[in-house]
Amino acid sequence: MRNFEHTVNVLVKAYFTGTLVHQYCAACAVGNIIADAKGYKIQKVGCGFSWVEAYTQWENVFMTSYGEQEFDIQAYEYEAKNQIDSTGYSPEELARVEFAFETADGKTEDLNDDKWMFNGLMAVVDVLADIHGIDLTTKESAKLLFVKAPVLNT
């Protein structure tokens, strides 16, 4: 479903439930968007993440590794095409989301580092707002959804 609010809400849920993780195709920003569109459940397997119902194939079309993006439009077929198309976004649009998430400021060895995760999500919201032609007020409101409430000591 190609919808700004829906896509942001998918990422908000993933962020707060711990299914959003850098560098794991099933659990990164694009992995969560596809999992939602396909109805897949993300599970932790050993030290990584996977989908319960299927193997990720979209990463054969585009992937960000070591700050560089690889893009192979010839691999946009079969299950990779099915996974990408289920979102309503084009491969180029999802590649932009992927790149923004994985190359955000604050990268650390800790793939769950909150600063890196938050910066990645803010970069993704910027990309999604551009894709959807969203105004600045709506974009800034969407970013506020990712702010965690402070923990009070009692």
Protein backbone atom coordinates (compact mmCIF):
# COMPACT_ATOMS: atom_id res chain seq x y z
CA MET A 1 0.00 0.00 0.00
CA ARG A 2 1.64 3.20 -1.16
CA ASN A 3 0.51 5.63 1.52
CA PHE A 4 2.68 8.03 3.52
CA GLU A 5 0.81 7.74 6.82
CA HIS A 6 0.51 3.96 6.61
CA THR A 7 4.20 3.51 5.80
CA VAL A 8 5.27 5.82 8.63
CA ASN A 9 3.01 3.92 11.04
CA VAL A 10 4.57 0.61 9.96
CA LEU A 11 7.98 2.03 10.84
CA VAL A 12 6.77 3.53 14.14
CA LYS A 13 5.43 0.12 15.17
CA ALA A 14 8.66 -1.61 14.11
CA TYR A 15 10.76 0.93 16.02
CA PHE A 16 8.81 0.55 19.25
CA THR A 17 8.45 -3.24 19.08
CA GLY A 18 12.09 -3.97 18.25
CA THR A 19 11.60 -5.42 14.77
CA LEU A 20 13.50 -2.56 13.12
CA VAL A 21 17.21 -3.35 12.83
CA HIS A 22 19.94 -1.99 10.60
CA GLN A 23 21.69 -4.33 8.15
CA TYR A 24 19.19 -7.21 8.27
CA CYS A 25 17.10 -7.35 5.09
CA ALA A 26 14.06 -8.81 6.85
CA ALA A 27 14.13 -6.20 9.63
CA CYS A 28 15.45 -2.98 8.09
CA ALA A 29 13.11 -0.18 7.01
CA VAL A 30 12.35 -1.77 3.62
CA GLY A 31 12.11 -5.23 5.18
CA ASN A 32 9.45 -3.99 7.61
CA ILE A 33 7.54 -2.21 4.84
CA ILE A 34 7.49 -5.37 2.73
CA ALA A 35 6.68 -7.61 5.70
CA ASP A 36 3.66 -5.43 6.46
CA ALA A 37 2.49 -5.42 2.84
CA LYS A 38 2.84 -9.20 2.55
CA GLY A 39 1.53 -10.01 6.05
CA TYR A 40 4.86 -11.56 7.09
CA LYS A 41 5.98 -11.87 10.70
CA ILE A 42 9.55 -10.83 11.55
CA GLN A 43 11.35 -13.15 13.94
CA LYS A 44 14.75 -13.15 15.60
CA VAL A 45 16.83 -16.14 14.52
CA GLY A 46 20.13 -16.58 16.31
CA CYS A 47 21.89 -13.24 16.00
CA GLY A 48 19.84 -12.15 12.98
CA PHE A 49 16.29 -11.66 11.76
CA SER A 50 14.13 -13.32 9.14
CA TRP A 51 10.55 -13.52 7.97
CA VAL A 52 8.58 -16.51 9.21
CA GLU A 53 6.69 -16.99 5.94
CA ALA A 54 9.32 -16.35 3.23
CA TYR A 55 12.91 -15.55 2.35
CA THR A 56 13.84 -11.99 1.45
CA GLN A 57 14.44 -11.60 -2.26
CA TRP A 58 14.13 -7.84 -2.73
CA GLU A 59 17.77 -7.35 -1.75
CA ASN A 60 18.76 -8.98 -5.05
CA VAL A 61 17.48 -5.80 -6.74
CA PHE A 62 19.01 -3.22 -4.37
CA MET A 63 21.05 -3.27 -1.20
CA THR A 64 23.22 -0.85 0.75
CA SER A 65 26.53 -2.22 1.95
CA TYR A 66 29.49 -0.30 3.36
CA GLY A 67 27.80 3.00 2.50
CA GLU A 68 27.44 2.09 -1.17
CA GLN A 69 24.26 1.07 -2.91
CA GLU A 70 24.11 -1.79 -5.36
CA PHE A 71 21.18 -1.76 -7.79
CA ASP A 72 20.45 -4.52 -10.32
CA ILE A 73 17.18 -3.87 -12.15
CA GLN A 74 17.64 -7.16 -14.05
CA ALA A 75 17.00 -8.99 -10.76
CA TYR A 76 13.58 -7.30 -10.55
CA GLU A 77 11.63 -10.44 -11.36
CA TYR A 78 9.85 -13.38 -9.74
CA GLU A 79 9.64 -13.18 -5.94
CA ALA A 80 11.81 -10.05 -5.67
CA LYS A 81 9.34 -8.23 -7.94
CA ASN A 82 6.40 -9.67 -5.98
CA GLN A 83 7.84 -8.43 -2.67
CA ILE A 84 8.68 -4.95 -3.97
CA ASP A 85 5.43 -4.51 -5.89
CA SER A 86 3.36 -5.50 -2.84
CA THR A 87 4.29 -2.16 -1.25
CA GLY A 88 3.08 0.04 -4.10
CA TYR A 89 6.51 1.68 -4.26
CA SER A 90 8.87 1.34 -7.21
CA PRO A 91 12.26 -0.35 -6.82
CA GLU A 92 13.90 3.06 -7.17
CA GLU A 93 11.75 4.55 -4.41
CA LEU A 94 12.41 1.68 -1.99
CA ALA A 95 16.11 1.86 -2.85
CA ARG A 96 16.06 5.49 -1.71
CA VAL A 97 14.40 4.44 1.56
CA GLU A 98 16.97 1.67 2.04
CA PHE A 99 19.92 3.95 1.38
CA ALA A 100 18.61 6.70 3.71
CA PHE A 101 18.05 4.24 6.55
CA GLU A 102 21.37 2.41 6.26
CA THR A 103 23.62 5.45 5.72
CA ALA A 104 22.16 7.75 8.39
CA ASP A 105 24.50 9.63 10.70
CA GLY A 106 25.54 7.93 13.91
CA LYS A 107 26.44 4.47 12.61
CA THR A 108 27.95 2.26 15.30
CA GLU A 109 28.79 -1.40 15.76
CA ASP A 110 25.56 -1.68 17.74
CA LEU A 111 22.91 -2.27 15.05
CA ASN A 112 20.21 -1.23 17.56
CA ASP A 113 21.94 1.99 18.64
CA ASP A 114 19.03 4.33 19.33
CA LYS A 115 20.71 7.45 17.92
CA TRP A 116 21.57 5.70 14.65
CA MET A 117 18.09 4.16 14.48
CA PHE A 118 16.39 7.49 15.13
CA ASN A 119 18.56 9.31 12.57
CA GLY A 120 17.80 6.58 10.04
CA LEU A 121 14.09 6.95 10.62
CA MET A 122 14.25 10.73 10.26
CA ALA A 123 16.10 10.28 6.95
CA VAL A 124 13.46 7.76 5.81
CA VAL A 125 10.62 10.16 6.68
CA ASP A 126 12.37 12.84 4.59
CA VAL A 127 12.58 10.44 1.63
CA LEU A 128 8.97 9.29 2.01
CA ALA A 129 7.79 12.91 2.25
CA ASP A 130 9.64 13.69 -0.97
CA ILE A 131 8.21 10.62 -2.73
CA HIS A 132 4.66 11.49 -1.64
CA GLY A 133 4.97 15.27 -2.04
CA ILE A 134 4.15 15.79 1.65
CA ASP A 135 4.28 19.31 3.08
CA LEU A 136 6.74 20.29 5.81
CA THR A 137 4.12 20.43 8.59
CA THR A 138 2.90 16.89 7.92
CA LYS A 139 6.47 15.63 7.64
CA GLU A 140 7.49 17.20 10.96
CA SER A 141 4.36 15.78 12.65
CA ALA A 142 5.29 12.32 11.35
CA LYS A 143 8.79 12.65 12.82
CA LEU A 144 7.32 13.34 16.25
CA LEU A 145 5.75 9.87 16.24
CA PHE A 146 9.22 8.38 16.74
CA VAL A 147 10.08 10.34 19.89
CA LYS A 148 10.26 8.08 22.90
CA ALA A 149 8.78 9.30 26.16
CA PRO A 150 11.32 9.77 28.95
CA VAL A 151 11.45 7.04 31.57
CA LEU A 152 10.54 8.36 35.01
CA ASN A 153 12.39 7.05 38.02
CA THR A 154 10.07 6.29 40.90
